[in-house]
Amino acid sequence: MNRDRLEGKWKQLSGSVREQWGRLTDDRLSVVAGQHDQLAGRVQERSGIYKEEGERQLKAFMRRNREWNSTSR
């Protein structure tokens, strides 16, 4: 798991706590802010997944084309 995904999960968790706290204290702004944090965390987690997938595909390409890579130097 890369850092982007981990930070995204953390934002989701902290956003959920913030949202729940807002509900307990009847603070509507905290509820909305918590929901915003959760959404931002989901986006960051997904971008981390895409980043990992891109890196995986690049490594696979380089493995498949080792001869080409060594001759281009």
N, C-alpha and C. Protein backbone atom coordinates (compact mmCIF):
# COMPACT_ATOMS: atom_id res chain seq x y z
N MET A 1 0.85 -1.18 0.00
CA MET A 1 0.00 0.00 0.00
C MET A 1 0.90 1.24 0.00
N ASN A 2 0.63 2.11 -0.93
CA ASN A 2 1.48 3.30 -0.99
C ASN A 2 0.95 4.42 -0.08
N ARG A 3 1.72 5.44 0.02
CA ARG A 3 1.42 6.53 0.96
C ARG A 3 0.11 7.25 0.61
N ASP A 4 -0.17 7.44 -0.68
CA ASP A 4 -1.41 8.11 -1.08
C ASP A 4 -2.63 7.36 -0.59
N ARG A 5 -2.61 6.05 -0.75
CA ARG A 5 -3.75 5.24 -0.31
C ARG A 5 -3.91 5.29 1.21
N LEU A 6 -2.78 5.20 1.90
CA LEU A 6 -2.83 5.24 3.37
C LEU A 6 -3.37 6.58 3.87
N GLU A 7 -2.88 7.67 3.28
CA GLU A 7 -3.37 8.99 3.68
C GLU A 7 -4.85 9.15 3.34
N GLY A 8 -5.27 8.58 2.21
CA GLY A 8 -6.68 8.64 1.84
C GLY A 8 -7.56 7.91 2.84
N LYS A 9 -7.12 6.75 3.26
CA LYS A 9 -7.89 6.00 4.27
C LYS A 9 -7.94 6.77 5.59
N TRP A 10 -6.83 7.40 5.96
CA TRP A 10 -6.81 8.19 7.19
C TRP A 10 -7.78 9.35 7.11
N LYS A 11 -7.81 10.05 5.96
CA LYS A 11 -8.75 11.16 5.80
C LYS A 11 -10.19 10.69 5.92
N GLN A 12 -10.47 9.51 5.37
CA GLN A 12 -11.82 8.97 5.45
C GLN A 12 -12.19 8.69 6.91
N LEU A 13 -11.28 8.09 7.64
CA LEU A 13 -11.54 7.77 9.04
C LEU A 13 -11.72 9.04 9.87
N SER A 14 -10.81 9.99 9.71
CA SER A 14 -10.92 11.22 10.50
C SER A 14 -12.17 12.01 10.10
N GLY A 15 -12.53 11.97 8.81
CA GLY A 15 -13.75 12.63 8.37
C GLY A 15 -14.99 12.00 8.97
N SER A 16 -14.97 10.68 9.08
CA SER A 16 -16.10 9.97 9.68
C SER A 16 -16.24 10.34 11.16
N VAL A 17 -15.11 10.42 11.85
CA VAL A 17 -15.14 10.81 13.27
C VAL A 17 -15.64 12.25 13.41
N ARG A 18 -15.15 13.12 12.55
CA ARG A 18 -15.57 14.53 12.59
C ARG A 18 -17.07 14.66 12.31
N GLU A 19 -17.56 13.89 11.34
CA GLU A 19 -18.98 13.92 11.03
C GLU A 19 -19.82 13.43 12.22
N GLN A 20 -19.38 12.33 12.81
CA GLN A 20 -20.12 11.79 13.96
C GLN A 20 -20.11 12.78 15.13
N TRP A 21 -18.97 13.40 15.37
CA TRP A 21 -18.87 14.39 16.44
C TRP A 21 -19.83 15.56 16.19
N GLY A 22 -19.91 15.97 14.94
CA GLY A 22 -20.83 17.04 14.59
C GLY A 22 -22.27 16.67 14.85
N ARG A 23 -22.60 15.42 14.61
CA ARG A 23 -23.97 14.97 14.90
C ARG A 23 -24.23 14.93 16.40
N LEU A 24 -23.24 14.49 17.16
CA LEU A 24 -23.41 14.43 18.62
C LEU A 24 -23.56 15.82 19.23
N THR A 25 -22.83 16.78 18.69
CA THR A 25 -22.87 18.14 19.24
C THR A 25 -23.87 19.04 18.51
N ASP A 26 -24.56 18.47 17.54
CA ASP A 26 -25.54 19.20 16.73
C ASP A 26 -24.89 20.39 16.02
N ASP A 27 -23.68 20.15 15.51
CA ASP A 27 -22.93 21.17 14.78
C ASP A 27 -22.94 20.78 13.30
N ARG A 28 -23.80 21.42 12.55
CA ARG A 28 -24.00 21.05 11.15
C ARG A 28 -22.75 21.31 10.31
N LEU A 29 -21.99 22.33 10.65
CA LEU A 29 -20.77 22.60 9.90
C LEU A 29 -19.74 21.47 10.05
N SER A 30 -19.66 20.91 11.24
CA SER A 30 -18.73 19.79 11.46
C SER A 30 -19.19 18.56 10.68
N VAL A 31 -20.48 18.36 10.59
CA VAL A 31 -21.01 17.24 9.81
C VAL A 31 -20.61 17.38 8.35
N VAL A 32 -20.83 18.57 7.80
CA VAL A 32 -20.49 18.82 6.39
C VAL A 32 -18.98 18.72 6.18
N ALA A 33 -18.21 19.27 7.09
CA ALA A 33 -16.75 19.21 6.96
C ALA A 33 -16.27 17.76 7.02
N GLY A 34 -16.89 16.97 7.87
CA GLY A 34 -16.52 15.55 7.96
C GLY A 34 -16.84 14.82 6.67
N GLN A 35 -17.98 15.12 6.08
CA GLN A 35 -18.34 14.50 4.81
C GLN A 35 -17.37 14.92 3.71
N HIS A 36 -16.97 16.18 3.74
CA HIS A 36 -16.00 16.68 2.77
C HIS A 36 -14.68 15.94 2.92
N ASP A 37 -14.22 15.76 4.15
CA ASP A 37 -12.96 15.05 4.40
C ASP A 37 -13.05 13.61 3.91
N GLN A 38 -14.19 12.97 4.12
CA GLN A 38 -14.35 11.60 3.66
C GLN A 38 -14.26 11.51 2.14
N LEU A 39 -14.91 12.44 1.46
CA LEU A 39 -14.86 12.45 0.00
C LEU A 39 -13.44 12.69 -0.49
N ALA A 40 -12.75 13.63 0.12
CA ALA A 40 -11.36 13.91 -0.26
C ALA A 40 -10.49 12.68 -0.04
N GLY A 41 -10.74 11.97 1.04
CA GLY A 41 -9.99 10.75 1.32
C GLY A 41 -10.24 9.68 0.28
N ARG A 42 -11.48 9.54 -0.15
CA ARG A 42 -11.80 8.54 -1.18
C ARG A 42 -11.09 8.88 -2.49
N VAL A 43 -11.10 10.15 -2.84
CA VAL A 43 -10.43 10.57 -4.07
C VAL A 43 -8.93 10.28 -3.97
N GLN A 44 -8.33 10.61 -2.85
CA GLN A 44 -6.90 10.39 -2.69
C GLN A 44 -6.58 8.89 -2.70
N GLU A 45 -7.43 8.09 -2.07
CA GLU A 45 -7.19 6.65 -2.07
C GLU A 45 -7.27 6.10 -3.49
N ARG A 46 -8.25 6.53 -4.25
CA ARG A 46 -8.40 6.07 -5.64
C ARG A 46 -7.22 6.51 -6.49
N SER A 47 -6.77 7.73 -6.32
CA SER A 47 -5.62 8.18 -7.12
C SER A 47 -4.39 7.37 -6.77
N GLY A 48 -4.29 6.95 -5.53
CA GLY A 48 -3.18 6.08 -5.13
C GLY A 48 -3.27 4.73 -5.80
N ILE A 49 -4.49 4.21 -5.96
CA ILE A 49 -4.68 2.93 -6.64
C ILE A 49 -4.26 3.08 -8.10
N TYR A 50 -4.69 4.15 -8.73
CA TYR A 50 -4.34 4.36 -10.13
C TYR A 50 -2.83 4.53 -10.29
N LYS A 51 -2.22 5.21 -9.35
CA LYS A 51 -0.77 5.40 -9.39
C LYS A 51 -0.06 4.05 -9.29
N GLU A 52 -0.51 3.20 -8.36
CA GLU A 52 0.08 1.88 -8.21
C GLU A 52 -0.10 1.05 -9.47
N GLU A 53 -1.28 1.12 -10.06
CA GLU A 53 -1.56 0.36 -11.28
C GLU A 53 -0.66 0.84 -12.42
N GLY A 54 -0.47 2.13 -12.54
CA GLY A 54 0.41 2.66 -13.57
C GLY A 54 1.84 2.19 -13.40
N GLU A 55 2.32 2.20 -12.16
CA GLU A 55 3.67 1.74 -11.89
C GLU A 55 3.80 0.25 -12.21
N ARG A 56 2.76 -0.53 -11.87
CA ARG A 56 2.78 -1.96 -12.15
C ARG A 56 2.84 -2.22 -13.66
N GLN A 57 2.04 -1.49 -14.42
CA GLN A 57 2.03 -1.67 -15.86
C GLN A 57 3.37 -1.26 -16.49
N LEU A 58 3.98 -0.21 -16.00
CA LEU A 58 5.27 0.22 -16.52
C LEU A 58 6.34 -0.84 -16.26
N LYS A 59 6.35 -1.40 -15.05
CA LYS A 59 7.32 -2.46 -14.73
C LYS A 59 7.10 -3.68 -15.61
N ALA A 60 5.83 -4.04 -15.84
CA ALA A 60 5.52 -5.19 -16.70
C ALA A 60 6.00 -4.93 -18.12
N PHE A 61 5.79 -3.72 -18.61
CA PHE A 61 6.24 -3.36 -19.96
C PHE A 61 7.76 -3.47 -20.07
N MET A 62 8.45 -2.96 -19.08
CA MET A 62 9.92 -2.99 -19.10
C MET A 62 10.42 -4.44 -19.04
N ARG A 63 9.74 -5.30 -18.27
CA ARG A 63 10.14 -6.71 -18.22
C ARG A 63 9.93 -7.39 -19.58
N ARG A 64 8.81 -7.10 -20.21
CA ARG A 64 8.51 -7.71 -21.51
C ARG A 64 9.46 -7.24 -22.60
N ASN A 65 9.99 -6.05 -22.45
CA ASN A 65 10.81 -5.46 -23.51
C ASN A 65 12.24 -5.20 -23.04
N ARG A 66 12.81 -6.14 -22.35
CA ARG A 66 14.17 -5.96 -21.83
C ARG A 66 15.19 -5.80 -22.93
N GLU A 67 15.04 -6.57 -24.01
CA GLU A 67 16.02 -6.50 -25.10
C GLU A 67 15.99 -5.11 -25.73
N TRP A 68 14.82 -4.60 -25.96
CA TRP A 68 14.70 -3.26 -26.55
C TRP A 68 15.31 -2.21 -25.65
N ASN A 69 15.05 -2.33 -24.35
CA ASN A 69 15.56 -1.36 -23.39
C ASN A 69 17.08 -1.39 -23.31
N SER A 70 17.68 -2.55 -23.38
CA SER A 70 19.14 -2.63 -23.27
C SER A 70 19.83 -2.16 -24.55
N THR A 71 19.19 -2.30 -25.70
CA THR A 71 19.80 -1.85 -26.95
C THR A 71 19.65 -0.36 -27.19
N SER A 72 18.71 0.27 -26.51
CA SER A 72 18.48 1.70 -26.74
C SER A 72 19.47 2.57 -25.99
N ARG A 73 20.29 2.01 -25.16
CA ARG A 73 21.23 2.80 -24.37
C ARG A 73 22.44 3.08 -25.13
